Protein backbone atom coordinates (compact mmCIF):
# COMPACT_ATOMS: atom_id res chain seq x y z
CA MET A 1 -10.12 5.35 -3.38
CA PHE A 2 -9.51 8.25 -5.74
CA ARG A 3 -7.94 7.99 -9.18
CA SER A 4 -7.48 11.70 -9.81
CA PHE A 5 -5.72 14.29 -7.68
CA SER A 6 -5.22 18.02 -7.68
CA ASP A 7 -1.63 19.21 -7.61
CA ARG A 8 -2.18 20.96 -4.26
CA PRO A 9 0.72 19.97 -1.99
CA VAL A 10 0.17 17.83 1.09
CA PRO A 11 1.65 19.58 4.15
CA ALA A 12 4.91 17.96 5.29
CA ASN A 13 3.56 17.41 8.82
CA ASP A 14 0.61 15.47 7.34
CA VAL A 15 3.03 13.28 5.38
CA GLU A 16 4.86 12.57 8.64
CA LYS A 17 1.57 11.66 10.38
CA ILE A 18 0.76 9.24 7.55
CA ILE A 19 4.18 7.60 7.82
CA ALA A 20 3.93 7.37 11.62
CA ALA A 21 0.50 5.74 11.39
CA ALA A 22 1.87 2.99 9.15
CA PHE A 23 4.35 1.96 11.82
CA ARG A 24 1.68 1.54 14.49
CA ALA A 25 0.69 -1.77 12.88
CA PRO A 26 1.42 -5.06 14.61
CA SER A 27 4.48 -7.02 13.53
CA ALA A 28 4.52 -10.83 13.68
CA GLY A 29 7.20 -11.80 16.17
CA PHE A 30 8.15 -8.11 16.14
CA SER A 31 10.06 -8.97 12.97
CA GLN A 32 9.68 -5.39 11.74
CA GLY A 33 9.95 -6.35 8.08
CA VAL A 34 7.97 -3.45 6.64
CA GLU A 35 9.66 -0.44 5.06
CA LEU A 36 8.27 2.55 3.16
CA LEU A 37 9.70 4.39 0.18
CA VAL A 38 8.16 7.88 0.29
CA LEU A 39 8.27 9.97 -2.90
CA THR A 40 7.38 13.64 -2.55
CA THR A 41 9.39 15.47 -5.19
CA ALA A 42 7.97 15.94 -8.67
CA ALA A 43 11.06 14.41 -10.26
CA GLN A 44 10.91 11.23 -8.18
CA ARG A 45 7.17 10.79 -8.68
CA ARG A 46 7.64 11.27 -12.43
CA ARG A 47 10.35 8.56 -12.40
CA PHE A 48 7.94 6.29 -10.53
CA PHE A 49 5.05 6.76 -12.96
CA GLU A 50 7.37 6.40 -15.98
CA ALA A 51 8.47 3.02 -14.61
CA VAL A 52 5.02 1.62 -13.80
CA THR A 53 2.94 2.90 -16.72
CA THR A 54 3.25 2.76 -20.48
CA PRO A 55 4.00 5.97 -22.40
CA GLY A 56 0.88 8.09 -22.83
CA TRP A 57 -1.34 5.91 -20.65
CA LEU A 58 -1.92 8.48 -17.90
CA GLU A 59 -2.79 11.18 -20.44
CA SER A 60 -5.22 8.95 -22.36
CA SER A 61 -6.78 7.04 -19.45
CA LYS A 62 -10.48 7.70 -18.93
CA THR A 63 -10.34 6.43 -15.36
CA HIS A 64 -6.92 7.55 -14.06
CA ARG A 65 -6.34 10.98 -15.61
CA GLY A 66 -4.82 13.08 -12.84
CA LEU A 67 -3.36 10.15 -10.92
CA ASP A 68 0.15 11.48 -11.52
CA ASN A 69 -0.84 14.80 -9.89
CA ALA A 70 -0.72 13.08 -6.49
CA PRO A 71 1.93 14.97 -4.52
CA VAL A 72 2.86 11.89 -2.48
CA VAL A 73 3.47 8.31 -3.56
CA ILE A 74 4.36 5.70 -0.96
CA LEU A 75 5.60 2.21 -1.76
CA PRO A 76 5.04 -0.26 1.10
CA LEU A 77 7.86 -2.82 0.94
CA HIS A 78 8.20 -6.12 2.78
CA ASP A 79 11.28 -8.07 3.80
CA GLN A 80 10.55 -11.80 3.95
CA SER A 81 14.04 -12.54 5.25
CA ARG A 82 13.40 -10.64 8.48
CA TYR A 83 10.47 -12.96 9.26
CA VAL A 84 12.33 -16.14 8.38
CA GLU A 85 15.30 -14.98 10.46
CA ARG A 86 13.13 -13.93 13.41
CA TYR A 87 11.21 -17.22 13.50
CA GLY A 88 14.52 -19.05 13.35
CA ASP A 89 15.62 -17.42 16.62
CA ALA A 90 15.98 -19.65 19.68
CA ASP A 91 12.88 -18.24 21.40
CA LYS A 92 10.76 -19.24 18.37
CA GLN A 93 12.20 -22.73 17.75
CA THR A 94 9.53 -24.40 19.85
CA SER A 95 6.83 -22.45 18.09
CA ALA A 96 4.60 -24.06 15.49
CA TRP A 97 5.58 -21.03 13.41
CA SER A 98 9.31 -21.81 13.26
CA ASP A 99 8.94 -23.01 9.65
CA ALA A 100 7.69 -20.14 7.50
CA SER A 101 6.80 -22.51 4.66
CA LYS A 102 4.00 -23.90 6.87
CA TRP A 103 2.47 -20.55 7.77
CA PRO A 104 -1.17 -20.28 6.68
CA ALA A 105 -0.39 -16.77 5.37
CA PRO A 106 2.96 -15.11 4.62
CA TYR A 107 3.16 -12.72 7.56
CA TRP A 108 5.46 -10.31 5.72
CA LEU A 109 2.49 -9.66 3.41
CA VAL A 110 0.02 -9.53 6.31
CA ASP A 111 2.12 -7.03 8.25
CA CYS A 112 2.76 -4.91 5.16
CA SER A 113 -0.98 -4.92 4.45
CA PHE A 114 -1.75 -3.87 8.04
CA SER A 115 0.73 -0.99 7.75
CA THR A 116 -0.78 0.08 4.45
CA MET A 117 -4.30 0.02 5.88
CA LEU A 118 -3.31 2.18 8.84
CA LEU A 119 -1.62 4.57 6.44
CA LEU A 120 -4.84 4.75 4.40
CA VAL A 121 -6.97 5.35 7.51
CA GLN A 122 -4.70 8.24 8.49
CA VAL A 123 -5.04 9.67 4.97
CA VAL A 124 -8.83 9.71 5.36
CA ASP A 125 -8.60 11.16 8.88
CA LEU A 126 -6.54 14.04 7.47
CA GLY A 127 -9.20 14.79 4.84
CA LEU A 128 -7.05 13.56 1.97
CA GLY A 129 -7.67 10.97 -0.71
CA ALA A 130 -5.64 7.95 -1.75
CA LEU A 131 -5.44 5.15 -4.25
CA PHE A 132 -3.78 1.84 -3.50
CA PHE A 133 -2.77 0.10 -6.70
CA ALA A 134 -0.72 -2.87 -7.79
CA ILE A 135 2.65 -2.54 -9.41
CA ASP A 136 2.22 -4.89 -12.34
CA ARG A 137 5.10 -3.62 -14.45
CA GLY A 138 8.39 -1.83 -13.99
CA GLU A 139 9.71 -3.51 -10.83
CA ASP A 140 13.23 -3.76 -12.23
CA GLN A 141 13.14 -0.10 -13.28
CA LEU A 142 11.92 0.88 -9.81
CA ARG A 143 14.68 -1.08 -8.12
CA GLU A 144 17.27 0.61 -10.31
CA ALA A 145 15.80 4.13 -10.17
CA PHE A 146 15.35 4.14 -6.39
CA ASP A 147 18.10 1.73 -5.24
CA ILE A 148 15.56 -0.74 -3.81
CA PRO A 149 17.35 -3.89 -2.60
CA GLU A 150 16.33 -7.26 -4.07
CA ARG A 151 15.43 -8.53 -0.58
CA LEU A 152 12.45 -6.15 -0.49
CA GLY A 153 9.19 -7.13 -2.15
CA PHE A 154 6.54 -4.75 -3.49
CA LEU A 155 3.04 -4.79 -2.03
CA GLY A 156 1.85 -2.02 -4.35
CA ALA A 157 1.82 1.75 -4.24
CA VAL A 158 -0.31 4.41 -2.60
CA ALA A 159 -0.92 7.75 -4.31
CA ILE A 160 -1.96 10.42 -1.81
CA GLY A 161 -3.28 13.95 -2.18
CA TYR A 162 -6.32 16.14 -2.43
CA PRO A 163 -8.91 14.51 -4.68
CA GLY A 164 -9.25 16.08 -8.12
CA SER A 165 -12.73 14.66 -8.46
CA SER A 166 -15.08 12.75 -6.19
CA ALA A 167 -16.93 11.19 -9.09
CA LYS A 168 -16.76 7.42 -9.18
CA VAL A 169 -15.27 6.14 -12.41
CA GLY A 170 -14.67 2.75 -13.95
CA SER A 171 -16.32 -0.52 -13.04
CA ALA A 172 -16.51 0.38 -9.33
CA ALA A 173 -19.08 3.05 -10.17
CA ARG A 174 -21.49 0.35 -11.32
CA ARG A 175 -21.13 -1.92 -8.31
CA VAL A 176 -22.99 -1.65 -5.03
CA ARG A 177 -21.68 -2.54 -1.60
CA ARG A 178 -22.85 -5.95 -0.39
CA PRO A 179 -25.38 -5.67 2.45
CA SER A 180 -24.15 -6.36 5.96
CA SER A 181 -26.52 -9.34 6.19
CA GLU A 182 -24.37 -11.08 3.54
CA VAL A 183 -20.95 -10.36 5.02
CA ILE A 184 -21.42 -10.32 8.80
CA HIS A 185 -22.03 -13.69 10.42
CA ARG A 186 -22.82 -13.89 14.12
CA GLU A 187 -22.03 -16.93 16.21
CA ARG A 188 -21.88 -19.19 13.15
CA TYR A 189 -21.57 -18.82 9.41
CA GLY A 190 -24.82 -17.95 7.71
CA GLN A 191 -26.29 -16.16 10.73
CA SER A 192 -26.62 -12.37 10.62
């Protein structure tokens, strides 16, 4: 994940490859409840960052300076109603999954996460950088600015472009990756 980008444009055909990769993800019940809002113009990206950040934050941030240079911002959106409707269909009524309130995980979030991960993998394969980040403010402004229907939920946002710096910044720079012996368990938990 990169928090700073150069303003070098991402070729349009690469943007299309990234979008296409996102829609290769599985879809529970083939509900197809994932949508993407793709922002590539400077004006639209500026509107996005104005909605989700406080005034002056990007300019004063020690860890995210240059984030708003990203020439592409993608918002993965999920539509819970498509899953509820799909699992209410006759062919799903005998399924243990016919009641979405009993699902062990909300599959609209799972599918949206899968799509986002495939998008991120394609970004890396194209030699680009990205940052997935939460949208913790400005949802109402985003809905209004970009005509996003209420039925769609936000998973977060992905800034994409050529990295402005490869230096690790923030708390992640001080953390080390857990060894595989701690996170991979073979045949039973606790066995590596």
